[in-house]
Amino acid sequence: MPEYESHADTASDTPTPEAPDQTPTHAAGDAADPLAPIDSAHLTDDDKNLGMLAHLLGAFTGFLGPLVIWLMKKDHSPFVEREGKEALNFHITVLIVYFALIPVSIITCGVGGLLYLPVFVVAVVFSILGALKAKDGIAYRYPFALRLVK
């Protein structure tokens, strides 16, 4: 019987080009990419606590708590800047929703006012989730927020 050479194993001898490294090369908190991962190994406990505080204060003070944290520490820590800005944007969005519910409540003779409670609960839950992530040094991005502060 004649022997046939198989060409199937010769294809594996050809080197395959490696995929380029997908790791970002920019520094943490780079303005060009606000979603750049932050190296949590270099975060201090103070950075994590202030990031957590920015989220938690937003649940109880609206946008004022995150605004104060962000203004005080935005030049000192990229992590606190990002978390404060994220919490600030979210709570400004919640404030806009509250104002949008005023005419709804007026038009529906107060029935639309019942929507304030679910909006408040959602804001508190997302703020707590953000605080827990920030406490672990993980950047948190709210699922919906107008990105007004850049």
Protein backbone atom coordinates (compact mmCIF):
# COMPACT_ATOMS: atom_id res chain seq x y z
CA MET A 1 0.00 0.00 0.00
CA PRO A 2 1.30 3.40 -0.83
CA GLU A 3 1.87 5.69 2.06
CA TYR A 4 0.43 9.14 1.82
CA GLU A 5 1.94 12.04 3.62
CA SER A 6 -0.40 13.94 5.83
CA HIS A 7 -0.24 17.70 5.53
CA ALA A 8 -2.34 18.24 8.64
CA ASP A 9 0.64 18.21 10.99
CA THR A 10 2.69 20.63 8.85
CA ALA A 11 0.20 23.41 9.53
CA SER A 12 1.00 23.25 13.23
CA ASP A 13 4.67 23.94 12.49
CA THR A 14 3.84 27.41 11.24
CA PRO A 15 4.20 29.98 13.97
CA THR A 16 0.97 31.77 14.76
CA PRO A 17 1.16 35.49 15.40
CA GLU A 18 0.51 36.32 19.03
CA ALA A 19 -2.31 38.65 19.90
CA PRO A 20 -1.16 42.07 21.03
CA ASP A 21 -1.17 42.66 24.74
CA GLN A 22 -4.52 44.14 25.76
CA THR A 23 -3.19 45.63 28.98
CA PRO A 24 -3.61 49.41 29.10
CA THR A 25 -0.37 51.32 29.08
CA HIS A 26 -1.63 54.54 30.61
CA ALA A 27 -1.35 55.60 34.21
CA ALA A 28 -4.16 55.27 36.69
CA GLY A 29 -6.63 58.10 36.52
CA ASP A 30 -5.41 59.20 33.11
CA ALA A 31 -7.72 61.88 31.74
CA ALA A 32 -7.64 60.25 28.31
CA ASP A 33 -9.29 57.09 29.66
CA PRO A 34 -11.46 57.61 32.74
CA LEU A 35 -12.17 53.87 32.90
CA ALA A 36 -8.52 52.89 33.15
CA PRO A 37 -7.98 50.31 35.88
CA ILE A 38 -6.42 51.62 39.05
CA ASP A 39 -3.69 49.61 40.69
CA SER A 40 -5.27 48.88 44.06
CA ALA A 41 -1.95 47.68 45.48
CA HIS A 42 -0.76 51.29 45.68
CA LEU A 43 -3.92 52.65 47.30
CA THR A 44 -3.71 53.75 50.88
CA ASP A 45 -6.42 53.00 53.40
CA ASP A 46 -7.15 56.73 53.40
CA ASP A 47 -7.84 56.64 49.64
CA LYS A 48 -10.18 53.67 50.02
CA ASN A 49 -11.99 55.23 52.96
CA LEU A 50 -12.49 58.55 51.19
CA GLY A 51 -13.75 56.77 48.07
CA MET A 52 -16.18 54.82 50.25
CA LEU A 53 -17.24 57.99 52.05
CA ALA A 54 -17.97 59.76 48.76
CA HIS A 55 -20.47 57.06 47.84
CA LEU A 56 -22.06 56.82 51.30
CA LEU A 57 -22.40 60.55 51.82
CA GLY A 58 -24.22 60.77 48.51
CA ALA A 59 -26.96 58.49 49.84
CA PHE A 60 -27.72 60.88 52.69
CA THR A 61 -26.62 64.34 51.55
CA GLY A 62 -27.39 64.14 47.85
CA PHE A 63 -24.69 65.57 45.65
CA LEU A 64 -23.16 67.79 48.38
CA GLY A 65 -21.16 65.05 50.15
CA PRO A 66 -19.49 63.70 47.01
CA LEU A 67 -18.89 67.28 45.83
CA VAL A 68 -16.99 68.16 49.00
CA ILE A 69 -14.89 64.96 48.89
CA TRP A 70 -14.15 65.40 45.19
CA LEU A 71 -13.17 69.08 45.53
CA MET A 72 -10.93 68.41 48.53
CA LYS A 73 -9.06 65.36 47.22
CA LYS A 74 -9.25 65.39 43.42
CA ASP A 75 -5.65 66.57 43.08
CA HIS A 76 -4.24 64.16 45.67
CA SER A 77 -5.55 60.75 44.65
CA PRO A 78 -6.72 59.50 41.24
CA PHE A 79 -8.88 56.89 42.97
CA VAL A 80 -10.68 59.40 45.19
CA GLU A 81 -11.06 61.72 42.21
CA ARG A 82 -12.70 58.99 40.13
CA GLU A 83 -14.97 57.71 42.91
CA GLY A 84 -15.98 61.21 44.01
CA LYS A 85 -16.74 62.22 40.45
CA GLU A 86 -18.73 59.05 39.82
CA ALA A 87 -20.79 59.51 43.00
CA LEU A 88 -21.27 63.20 42.20
CA ASN A 89 -22.54 62.46 38.70
CA PHE A 90 -24.93 59.79 39.96
CA HIS A 91 -26.42 61.97 42.68
CA ILE A 92 -26.82 64.91 40.30
CA THR A 93 -28.74 62.50 38.06
CA VAL A 94 -30.92 61.47 41.01
CA LEU A 95 -31.59 65.15 41.78
CA ILE A 96 -32.66 65.72 38.17
CA VAL A 97 -35.04 62.75 38.45
CA TYR A 98 -36.49 64.22 41.65
CA PHE A 99 -37.13 67.53 39.88
CA ALA A 100 -38.66 65.71 36.91
CA LEU A 101 -41.08 63.98 39.28
CA ILE A 102 -42.50 67.32 40.48
CA PRO A 103 -44.64 67.96 37.38
CA VAL A 104 -45.56 64.26 37.25
CA SER A 105 -46.78 64.51 40.82
CA ILE A 106 -48.73 67.70 40.10
CA ILE A 107 -50.35 66.30 36.95
CA THR A 108 -51.38 63.08 38.70
CA CYS A 109 -52.72 64.92 41.80
CA GLY A 110 -49.97 63.52 44.02
CA VAL A 111 -50.05 59.92 42.87
CA GLY A 112 -46.80 60.42 40.95
CA GLY A 113 -45.20 61.42 44.25
CA LEU A 114 -45.15 57.74 45.14
CA LEU A 115 -42.25 57.39 42.72
CA TYR A 116 -39.94 59.31 45.06
CA LEU A 117 -39.60 56.31 47.36
CA PRO A 118 -38.33 53.82 44.75
CA VAL A 119 -35.90 56.43 43.38
CA PHE A 120 -34.57 57.01 46.90
CA VAL A 121 -34.23 53.27 47.57
CA VAL A 122 -32.37 52.73 44.27
CA ALA A 123 -30.03 55.63 45.07
CA VAL A 124 -29.26 54.24 48.53
CA VAL A 125 -28.70 50.69 47.26
CA PHE A 126 -26.35 51.79 44.47
CA SER A 127 -24.50 54.08 46.88
CA ILE A 128 -23.95 51.20 49.28
CA LEU A 129 -22.73 48.98 46.43
CA GLY A 130 -20.32 51.73 45.37
CA ALA A 131 -19.09 52.15 48.94
CA LEU A 132 -18.42 48.42 49.31
CA LYS A 133 -16.45 48.32 46.05
CA ALA A 134 -14.48 51.45 46.94
CA LYS A 135 -13.63 50.01 50.36
CA ASP A 136 -11.97 47.09 48.54
CA GLY A 137 -10.10 49.49 46.24
CA ILE A 138 -12.22 48.63 43.19
CA ALA A 139 -13.50 51.46 41.02
CA TYR A 140 -17.31 51.45 40.83
CA ARG A 141 -19.34 52.73 37.91
CA TYR A 142 -23.03 53.36 38.48
CA PRO A 143 -25.26 51.56 35.95
CA PHE A 144 -26.92 54.81 34.95
CA ALA A 145 -25.76 58.37 35.46
CA LEU A 146 -25.39 61.47 33.38
CA ARG A 147 -21.67 62.17 33.07
CA LEU A 148 -21.93 65.91 33.67
CA VAL A 149 -18.71 66.35 35.67
CA LYS A 150 -15.79 65.20 33.60
